[in-house]
Amino acid sequence: TLSGDFVSFQKHSSSFFQKASLLRFNPFEDSGGDQSFVIALLDGADNGFILSSLHSRSGTRIYAKDIKNGKSATYALTKEEKEALEKALRRK
């Protein structure tokens, strides 16, 4: 039934990414541009991950950190990662 499908969708939708934020920044004062970034993606229970990209003259490094209940599950967060996470958590 249509109402049964809607209830099923609502039940499963809490596991979809519902909150996101993007923060661009320059981690190195001696190089130009805000080419580094942090992306936070969270589901309805504030679980998800943070993806960070640090760009420098010698290359780009990518880091991923898992988020559980709105907090880093394993690793310490950088200032920029904390800011992106807080911004995503404020989304409704």
PDB file of N, CA and C in Angstrom:
ATOM      1  N   THR A   1       0.837  -1.179   0.000  1.00  0.00           N
ATOM      2  CA  THR A   1       0.000   0.000   0.000  1.00  0.00           C
ATOM      3  C   THR A   1       0.881   1.240   0.000  1.00  0.00           C
ATOM      4  N   LEU A   2       0.273   2.338  -0.396  1.00  0.00           N
ATOM      5  CA  LEU A   2       1.014   3.590  -0.448  1.00  0.00           C
ATOM      6  C   LEU A   2       1.456   4.042   0.937  1.00  0.00           C
ATOM      7  N   SER A   3       0.578   3.942   1.915  1.00  0.00           N
ATOM      8  CA  SER A   3       0.962   4.372   3.266  1.00  0.00           C
ATOM      9  C   SER A   3       2.037   3.448   3.845  1.00  0.00           C
ATOM     10  N   GLY A   4       1.980   2.167   3.536  1.00  0.00           N
ATOM     11  CA  GLY A   4       3.004   1.229   3.996  1.00  0.00           C
ATOM     12  C   GLY A   4       4.359   1.547   3.376  1.00  0.00           C
ATOM     13  N   ASP A   5       4.350   1.928   2.083  1.00  0.00           N
ATOM     14  CA  ASP A   5       5.595   2.312   1.419  1.00  0.00           C
ATOM     15  C   ASP A   5       6.175   3.573   2.040  1.00  0.00           C
ATOM     16  N   PHE A   6       5.315   4.506   2.400  1.00  0.00           N
ATOM     17  CA  PHE A   6       5.779   5.753   3.012  1.00  0.00           C
ATOM     18  C   PHE A   6       6.405   5.492   4.376  1.00  0.00           C
ATOM     19  N   VAL A   7       5.776   4.643   5.169  1.00  0.00           N
ATOM     20  CA  VAL A   7       6.308   4.306   6.486  1.00  0.00           C
ATOM     21  C   VAL A   7       7.659   3.613   6.332  1.00  0.00           C
ATOM     22  N   SER A   8       7.759   2.716   5.376  1.00  0.00           N
ATOM     23  CA  SER A   8       9.031   2.027   5.117  1.00  0.00           C
ATOM     24  C   SER A   8      10.102   3.022   4.684  1.00  0.00           C
ATOM     25  N   PHE A   9       9.733   3.962   3.825  1.00  0.00           N
ATOM     26  CA  PHE A   9      10.680   4.985   3.382  1.00  0.00           C
ATOM     27  C   PHE A   9      11.144   5.836   4.561  1.00  0.00           C
ATOM     28  N   GLN A  10      10.213   6.267   5.393  1.00  0.00           N
ATOM     29  CA  GLN A  10      10.575   7.078   6.567  1.00  0.00           C
ATOM     30  C   GLN A  10      11.533   6.326   7.482  1.00  0.00           C
ATOM     31  N   LYS A  11      11.270   5.046   7.675  1.00  0.00           N
ATOM     32  CA  LYS A  11      12.109   4.231   8.554  1.00  0.00           C
ATOM     33  C   LYS A  11      13.533   4.156   8.020  1.00  0.00           C
ATOM     34  N   HIS A  12      13.680   3.973   6.724  1.00  0.00           N
ATOM     35  CA  HIS A  12      15.005   3.826   6.128  1.00  0.00           C
ATOM     36  C   HIS A  12      15.682   5.157   5.845  1.00  0.00           C
ATOM     37  N   SER A  13      14.909   6.230   5.735  1.00  0.00           N
ATOM     38  CA  SER A  13      15.509   7.516   5.352  1.00  0.00           C
ATOM     39  C   SER A  13      16.425   8.088   6.424  1.00  0.00           C
ATOM     40  N   SER A  14      16.278   7.662   7.672  1.00  0.00           N
ATOM     41  CA  SER A  14      17.177   8.179   8.712  1.00  0.00           C
ATOM     42  C   SER A  14      18.612   7.733   8.483  1.00  0.00           C
ATOM     43  N   SER A  15      18.799   6.686   7.673  1.00  0.00           N
ATOM     44  CA  SER A  15      20.161   6.220   7.381  1.00  0.00           C
ATOM     45  C   SER A  15      20.748   6.896   6.141  1.00  0.00           C
ATOM     46  N   PHE A  16      19.964   7.736   5.451  1.00  0.00           N
ATOM     47  CA  PHE A  16      20.468   8.480   4.293  1.00  0.00           C
ATOM     48  C   PHE A  16      21.266   9.679   4.783  1.00  0.00           C
ATOM     49  N   PHE A  17      22.214  10.144   3.976  1.00  0.00           N
ATOM     50  CA  PHE A  17      22.893  11.388   4.327  1.00  0.00           C
ATOM     51  C   PHE A  17      21.881  12.518   4.266  1.00  0.00           C
ATOM     52  N   GLN A  18      21.734  13.232   5.378  1.00  0.00           N
ATOM     53  CA  GLN A  18      20.760  14.312   5.474  1.00  0.00           C
ATOM     54  C   GLN A  18      21.402  15.648   5.802  1.00  0.00           C
ATOM     55  N   LYS A  19      22.615  15.617   6.310  1.00  0.00           N
ATOM     56  CA  LYS A  19      23.297  16.844   6.725  1.00  0.00           C
ATOM     57  C   LYS A  19      24.665  16.872   6.061  1.00  0.00           C
ATOM     58  N   ALA A  20      24.996  18.028   5.496  1.00  0.00           N
ATOM     59  CA  ALA A  20      26.275  18.152   4.807  1.00  0.00           C
ATOM     60  C   ALA A  20      26.824  19.557   4.978  1.00  0.00           C
ATOM     61  N   SER A  21      28.133  19.652   4.940  1.00  0.00           N
ATOM     62  CA  SER A  21      28.769  20.967   4.927  1.00  0.00           C
ATOM     63  C   SER A  21      30.090  20.868   4.180  1.00  0.00           C
ATOM     64  N   LEU A  22      30.496  21.977   3.626  1.00  0.00           N
ATOM     65  CA  LEU A  22      31.750  22.093   2.890  1.00  0.00           C
ATOM     66  C   LEU A  22      32.485  23.315   3.402  1.00  0.00           C
ATOM     67  N   LEU A  23      33.742  23.141   3.713  1.00  0.00           N
ATOM     68  CA  LEU A  23      34.583  24.246   4.173  1.00  0.00           C
ATOM     69  C   LEU A  23      35.859  24.234   3.347  1.00  0.00           C
ATOM     70  N   ARG A  24      36.130  25.339   2.668  1.00  0.00           N
ATOM     71  CA  ARG A  24      37.384  25.494   1.926  1.00  0.00           C
ATOM     72  C   ARG A  24      38.314  26.353   2.762  1.00  0.00           C
ATOM     73  N   PHE A  25      39.617  26.060   2.712  1.00  0.00           N
ATOM     74  CA  PHE A  25      40.571  26.818   3.512  1.00  0.00           C
ATOM     75  C   PHE A  25      41.971  26.700   2.931  1.00  0.00           C
ATOM     76  N   ASN A  26      42.860  27.554   3.428  1.00  0.00           N
ATOM     77  CA  ASN A  26      44.263  27.547   3.033  1.00  0.00           C
ATOM     78  C   ASN A  26      45.092  27.169   4.267  1.00  0.00           C
ATOM     79  N   PRO A  27      45.636  25.946   4.321  1.00  0.00           N
ATOM     80  CA  PRO A  27      46.379  25.528   5.510  1.00  0.00           C
ATOM     81  C   PRO A  27      47.791  26.090   5.599  1.00  0.00           C
ATOM     82  N   PHE A  28      48.281  26.642   4.504  1.00  0.00           N
ATOM     83  CA  PHE A  28      49.657  27.124   4.468  1.00  0.00           C
ATOM     84  C   PHE A  28      49.683  28.587   4.066  1.00  0.00           C
ATOM     85  N   GLU A  29      50.188  29.438   4.922  1.00  0.00           N
ATOM     86  CA  GLU A  29      50.186  30.880   4.663  1.00  0.00           C
ATOM     87  C   GLU A  29      51.046  31.276   3.471  1.00  0.00           C
ATOM     88  N   ASP A  30      52.066  30.494   3.152  1.00  0.00           N
ATOM     89  CA  ASP A  30      52.982  30.874   2.080  1.00  0.00           C
ATOM     90  C   ASP A  30      52.545  30.403   0.694  1.00  0.00           C
ATOM     91  N   SER A  31      51.420  29.724   0.585  1.00  0.00           N
ATOM     92  CA  SER A  31      50.919  29.311  -0.726  1.00  0.00           C
ATOM     93  C   SER A  31      49.542  29.940  -0.954  1.00  0.00           C
ATOM     94  N   GLY A  32      49.169  30.084  -2.203  1.00  0.00           N
ATOM     95  CA  GLY A  32      47.940  30.808  -2.513  1.00  0.00           C
ATOM     96  C   GLY A  32      46.720  29.920  -2.633  1.00  0.00           C
ATOM     97  N   GLY A  33      45.577  30.526  -2.432  1.00  0.00           N
ATOM     98  CA  GLY A  33      44.297  29.886  -2.717  1.00  0.00           C
ATOM     99  C   GLY A  33      43.755  28.994  -1.620  1.00  0.00           C
ATOM    100  N   ASP A  34      42.450  28.882  -1.626  1.00  0.00           N
ATOM    101  CA  ASP A  34      41.738  27.994  -0.705  1.00  0.00           C
ATOM    102  C   ASP A  34      41.433  26.685  -1.427  1.00  0.00           C
ATOM    103  N   GLN A  35      42.485  25.952  -1.760  1.00  0.00           N
ATOM    104  CA  GLN A  35      42.309  24.720  -2.525  1.00  0.00           C
ATOM    105  C   GLN A  35      42.135  23.492  -1.643  1.00  0.00           C
ATOM    106  N   SER A  36      42.358  23.624  -0.353  1.00  0.00           N
ATOM    107  CA  SER A  36      42.099  22.528   0.583  1.00  0.00           C
ATOM    108  C   SER A  36      40.639  22.611   1.028  1.00  0.00           C
ATOM    109  N   PHE A  37      40.083  21.467   1.438  1.00  0.00           N
ATOM    110  CA  PHE A  37      38.682  21.486   1.847  1.00  0.00           C
ATOM    111  C   PHE A  37      38.377  20.366   2.827  1.00  0.00           C
ATOM    112  N   VAL A  38      37.247  20.519   3.506  1.00  0.00           N
ATOM    113  CA  VAL A  38      36.689  19.495   4.392  1.00  0.00           C
ATOM    114  C   VAL A  38      35.219  19.346   4.021  1.00  0.00           C
ATOM    115  N   ILE A  39      34.772  18.114   3.892  1.00  0.00           N
ATOM    116  CA  ILE A  39      33.353  17.809   3.658  1.00  0.00           C
ATOM    117  C   ILE A  39      32.881  16.928   4.808  1.00  0.00           C
ATOM    118  N   ALA A  40      31.777  17.302   5.434  1.00  0.00           N
ATOM    119  CA  ALA A  40      31.153  16.477   6.474  1.00  0.00           C
ATOM    120  C   ALA A  40      29.814  15.982   5.943  1.00  0.00           C
ATOM    121  N   LEU A  41      29.575  14.682   6.004  1.00  0.00           N
ATOM    122  CA  LEU A  41      28.315  14.067   5.581  1.00  0.00           C
ATOM    123  C   LEU A  41      27.776  13.227   6.739  1.00  0.00           C
ATOM    124  N   LEU A  42      26.546  13.536   7.164  1.00  0.00           N
ATOM    125  CA  LEU A  42      25.947  12.856   8.314  1.00  0.00           C
ATOM    126  C   LEU A  42      24.537  12.370   7.989  1.00  0.00           C
ATOM    127  N   ASP A  43      24.140  11.278   8.628  1.00  0.00           N
ATOM    128  CA  ASP A  43      22.765  10.794   8.483  1.00  0.00           C
ATOM    129  C   ASP A  43      21.886  11.399   9.575  1.00  0.00           C
ATOM    130  N   GLY A  44      20.669  10.923   9.693  1.00  0.00           N
ATOM    131  CA  GLY A  44      19.731  11.470  10.664  1.00  0.00           C
ATOM    132  C   GLY A  44      20.122  11.232  12.114  1.00  0.00           C
ATOM    133  N   ALA A  45      21.000  10.258  12.372  1.00  0.00           N
ATOM    134  CA  ALA A  45      21.469   9.976  13.727  1.00  0.00           C
ATOM    135  C   ALA A  45      22.849  10.587  13.979  1.00  0.00           C
ATOM    136  N   ASP A  46      23.268  11.501  13.110  1.00  0.00           N
ATOM    137  CA  ASP A  46      24.569  12.178  13.197  1.00  0.00           C
ATOM    138  C   ASP A  46      25.746  11.226  13.081  1.00  0.00           C
ATOM    139  N   ASN A  47      25.580  10.183  12.266  1.00  0.00           N
ATOM    140  CA  ASN A  47      26.667   9.265  11.930  1.00  0.00           C
ATOM    141  C   ASN A  47      27.068   9.508  10.480  1.00  0.00           C
ATOM    142  N   GLY A  48      28.339   9.350  10.192  1.00  0.00           N
ATOM    143  CA  GLY A  48      28.800   9.530   8.823  1.00  0.00           C
ATOM    144  C   GLY A  48      30.306   9.623   8.773  1.00  0.00           C
ATOM    145  N   PHE A  49      30.809  10.595   8.003  1.00  0.00           N
ATOM    146  CA  PHE A  49      32.250  10.742   7.900  1.00  0.00           C
ATOM    147  C   PHE A  49      32.628  12.160   7.509  1.00  0.00           C
ATOM    148  N   ILE A  50      33.903  12.448   7.719  1.00  0.00           N
ATOM    149  CA  ILE A  50      34.514  13.701   7.293  1.00  0.00           C
ATOM    150  C   ILE A  50      35.608  13.341   6.313  1.00  0.00           C
ATOM    151  N   LEU A  51      35.637  14.031   5.195  1.00  0.00           N
ATOM    152  CA  LEU A  51      36.665  13.848   4.182  1.00  0.00           C
ATOM    153  C   LEU A  51      37.444  15.152   4.080  1.00  0.00           C
ATOM    154  N   SER A  52      38.757  15.081   4.281  1.00  0.00           N
ATOM    155  CA  SER A  52      39.612  16.268   4.245  1.00  0.00           C
ATOM    156  C   SER A  52      40.620  16.132   3.125  1.00  0.00           C
ATOM    157  N   SER A  53      40.851  17.213   2.415  1.00  0.00           N
ATOM    158  CA  SER A  53      41.855  17.264   1.361  1.00  0.00           C
ATOM    159  C   SER A  53      42.789  18.421   1.662  1.00  0.00           C
ATOM    160  N   LEU A  54      44.079  18.120   1.822  1.00  0.00           N
ATOM    161  CA  LEU A  54      45.083  19.153   2.073  1.00  0.00           C
ATOM    162  C   LEU A  54      45.951  19.300   0.837  1.00  0.00           C
ATOM    163  N   HIS A  55      45.867  20.474   0.223  1.00  0.00           N
ATOM    164  CA  HIS A  55      46.606  20.740  -1.004  1.00  0.00           C
ATOM    165  C   HIS A  55      47.846  21.561  -0.685  1.00  0.00           C
ATOM    166  N   SER A  56      48.990  21.129  -1.211  1.00  0.00           N
ATOM    167  CA  SER A  56      50.232  21.884  -1.066  1.00  0.00           C
ATOM    168  C   SER A  56      50.962  21.870  -2.403  1.00  0.00           C
ATOM    169  N   ARG A  57      52.050  22.559  -2.460  1.00  0.00           N
ATOM    170  CA  ARG A  57      52.832  22.595  -3.706  1.00  0.00           C
ATOM    171  C   ARG A  57      53.352  21.222  -4.090  1.00  0.00           C
ATOM    172  N   SER A  58      53.623  20.393  -3.100  1.00  0.00           N
ATOM    173  CA  SER A  58      54.200  19.075  -3.380  1.00  0.00           C
ATOM    174  C   SER A  58      53.152  17.991  -3.629  1.00  0.00           C
ATOM    175  N   GLY A  59      51.879  18.303  -3.433  1.00  0.00           N
ATOM    176  CA  GLY A  59      50.846  17.300  -3.694  1.00  0.00           C
ATOM    177  C   GLY A  59      49.602  17.521  -2.859  1.00  0.00           C
ATOM    178  N   THR A  60      48.676  16.612  -3.003  1.00  0.00           N
ATOM    179  CA  THR A  60      47.415  16.667  -2.263  1.00  0.00           C
ATOM    180  C   THR A  60      47.259  15.385  -1.463  1.00  0.00           C
ATOM    181  N   ARG A  61      46.867  15.535  -0.213  1.00  0.00           N
ATOM    182  CA  ARG A  61      46.632  14.380   0.659  1.00  0.00           C
ATOM    183  C   ARG A  61      45.162  14.367   1.050  1.00  0.00           C
ATOM    184  N   ILE A  62      44.594  13.160   1.099  1.00  0.00           N
ATOM    185  CA  ILE A  62      43.187  12.980   1.442  1.00  0.00           C
ATOM    186  C   ILE A  62      43.100  12.150   2.725  1.00  0.00           C
ATOM    187  N   TYR A  63      42.239  12.595   3.643  1.00  0.00           N
ATOM    188  CA  TYR A  63      42.036  11.892   4.912  1.00  0.00           C
ATOM    189  C   TYR A  63      40.537  11.695   5.127  1.00  0.00           C
ATOM    190  N   ALA A  64      40.164  10.558   5.715  1.00  0.00           N
ATOM    191  CA  ALA A  64      38.763  10.276   6.053  1.00  0.00           C
ATOM    192  C   ALA A  64      38.683   9.892   7.527  1.00  0.00           C
ATOM    193  N   LYS A  65      37.678  10.424   8.207  1.00  0.00           N
ATOM    194  CA  LYS A  65      37.468  10.115   9.621  1.00  0.00           C
ATOM    195  C   LYS A  65      35.993   9.803   9.837  1.00  0.00           C
ATOM    196  N   ASP A  66      35.722   8.718  10.550  1.00  0.00           N
ATOM    197  CA  ASP A  66      34.328   8.342  10.792  1.00  0.00           C
ATOM    198  C   ASP A  66      33.757   9.141  11.958  1.00  0.00           C
ATOM    199  N   ILE A  67      32.452   9.393  11.860  1.00  0.00           N
ATOM    200  CA  ILE A  67      31.716  10.164  12.860  1.00  0.00           C
ATOM    201  C   ILE A  67      30.594   9.286  13.409  1.00  0.00           C
ATOM    202  N   LYS A  68      30.509   9.193  14.722  1.00  0.00           N
ATOM    203  CA  LYS A  68      29.447   8.444  15.402  1.00  0.00           C
ATOM    204  C   LYS A  68      28.772   9.358  16.408  1.00  0.00           C
ATOM    205  N   ASN A  69      27.469   9.491  16.307  1.00  0.00           N
ATOM    206  CA  ASN A  69      26.693  10.337  17.223  1.00  0.00           C
ATOM    207  C   ASN A  69      27.237  11.762  17.303  1.00  0.00           C
ATOM    208  N   GLY A  70      27.671  12.280  16.165  1.00  0.00           N
ATOM    209  CA  GLY A  70      28.123  13.667  16.098  1.00  0.00           C
ATOM    210  C   GLY A  70      29.529  13.917  16.596  1.00  0.00           C
ATOM    211  N   LYS A  71      30.304  12.854  16.844  1.00  0.00           N
ATOM    212  CA  LYS A  71      31.675  13.002  17.335  1.00  0.00           C
ATOM    213  C   LYS A  71      32.604  12.071  16.573  1.00  0.00           C
ATOM    214  N   SER A  72      33.873  12.432  16.550  1.00  0.00           N
ATOM    215  CA  SER A  72      34.857  11.567  15.923  1.00  0.00           C
ATOM    216  C   SER A  72      34.943  10.259  16.697  1.00  0.00           C
ATOM    217  N   ALA A  73      34.819   9.158  16.000  1.00  0.00           N
ATOM    218  CA  ALA A  73      34.821   7.856  16.649  1.00  0.00           C
ATOM    219  C   ALA A  73      36.233   7.380  16.990  1.00  0.00           C
ATOM    220  N   THR A  74      37.233   7.862  16.254  1.00  0.00           N
ATOM    221  CA  THR A  74      38.572   7.319  16.425  1.00  0.00           C
ATOM    222  C   THR A  74      39.670   8.367  16.512  1.00  0.00           C
ATOM    223  N   TYR A  75      39.628   9.360  15.637  1.00  0.00           N
ATOM    224  CA  TYR A  75      40.736  10.296  15.488  1.00  0.00           C
ATOM    225  C   TYR A  75      40.380  11.700  15.980  1.00  0.00           C
ATOM    226  N   ALA A  76      41.398  12.428  16.412  1.00  0.00           N
ATOM    227  CA  ALA A  76      41.201  13.835  16.763  1.00  0.00           C
ATOM    228  C   ALA A  76      40.894  14.625  15.499  1.00  0.00           C
ATOM    229  N   LEU A  77      40.038  15.636  15.636  1.00  0.00           N
ATOM    230  CA  LEU A  77      39.661  16.464  14.490  1.00  0.00           C
ATOM    231  C   LEU A  77      40.481  17.747  14.478  1.00  0.00           C
ATOM    232  N   THR A  78      40.799  18.208  13.279  1.00  0.00           N
ATOM    233  CA  THR A  78      41.471  19.496  13.140  1.00  0.00           C
ATOM    234  C   THR A  78      40.460  20.613  13.378  1.00  0.00           C
ATOM    235  N   LYS A  79      40.946  21.831  13.482  1.00  0.00           N
ATOM    236  CA  LYS A  79      40.069  22.991  13.672  1.00  0.00           C
ATOM    237  C   LYS A  79      39.055  23.081  12.530  1.00  0.00           C
ATOM    238  N   GLU A  80      39.508  22.882  11.301  1.00  0.00           N
ATOM    239  CA  GLU A  80      38.619  22.973  10.135  1.00  0.00           C
ATOM    240  C   GLU A  80      37.606  21.830  10.124  1.00  0.00           C
ATOM    241  N   GLU A  81      38.035  20.633  10.504  1.00  0.00           N
ATOM    242  CA  GLU A  81      37.117  19.499  10.561  1.00  0.00           C
ATOM    243  C   GLU A  81      36.043  19.714  11.623  1.00  0.00           C
ATOM    244  N   LYS A  82      36.445  20.256  12.781  1.00  0.00           N
ATOM    245  CA  LYS A  82      35.464  20.562  13.823  1.00  0.00           C
ATOM    246  C   LYS A  82      34.450  21.580  13.326  1.00  0.00           C
ATOM    247  N   GLU A  83      34.921  22.593  12.614  1.00  0.00           N
ATOM    248  CA  GLU A  83      34.024  23.626  12.094  1.00  0.00           C
ATOM    249  C   GLU A  83      33.038  23.047  11.088  1.00  0.00           C
ATOM    250  N   ALA A  84      33.522  22.203  10.174  1.00  0.00           N
ATOM    251  CA  ALA A  84      32.630  21.575   9.188  1.00  0.00           C
ATOM    252  C   ALA A  84      31.621  20.662   9.870  1.00  0.00           C
ATOM    253  N   LEU A  85      32.059  19.904  10.873  1.00  0.00           N
ATOM    254  CA  LEU A  85      31.155  19.017  11.604  1.00  0.00           C
ATOM    255  C   LEU A  85      30.082  19.814  12.331  1.00  0.00           C
ATOM    256  N   GLU A  86      30.473  20.864  13.027  1.00  0.00           N
ATOM    257  CA  GLU A  86      29.500  21.701  13.751  1.00  0.00           C
ATOM    258  C   GLU A  86      28.493  22.314  12.790  1.00  0.00           C
ATOM    259  N   LYS A  87      28.964  22.740  11.631  1.00  0.00           N
ATOM    260  CA  LYS A  87      28.067  23.317  10.628  1.00  0.00           C
ATOM    261  C   LYS A  87      27.060  22.267  10.134  1.00  0.00           C
ATOM    262  N   ALA A  88      27.524  21.053   9.891  1.00  0.00           N
ATOM    263  CA  ALA A  88      26.621  19.981   9.448  1.00  0.00           C
ATOM    264  C   ALA A  88      25.628  19.606  10.535  1.00  0.00           C
ATOM    265  N   LEU A  89      26.076  19.571  11.786  1.00  0.00           N
ATOM    266  CA  LEU A  89      25.192  19.213  12.898  1.00  0.00           C
ATOM    267  C   LEU A  89      24.066  20.230  13.079  1.00  0.00           C
ATOM    268  N   ARG A  90      24.302  21.487  12.714  1.00  0.00           N
ATOM    269  CA  ARG A  90      23.271  22.527  12.840  1.00  0.00           C
ATOM    270  C   ARG A  90      22.186  22.419  11.769  1.00  0.00           C
ATOM    271  N   ARG A  91      22.457  21.664  10.725  1.00  0.00           N
ATOM    272  CA  ARG A  91      21.459  21.500   9.649  1.00  0.00           C
ATOM    273  C   ARG A  91      20.339  20.599  10.133  1.00  0.00           C
ATOM    274  N   LYS A  92      19.133  20.915   9.695  1.00  0.00           N
ATOM    275  CA  LYS A  92      17.981  20.090  10.096  1.00  0.00           C
ATOM    276  C   LYS A  92      17.342  19.444   8.917  1.00  0.00           C
TER     277      LYS A  92
END
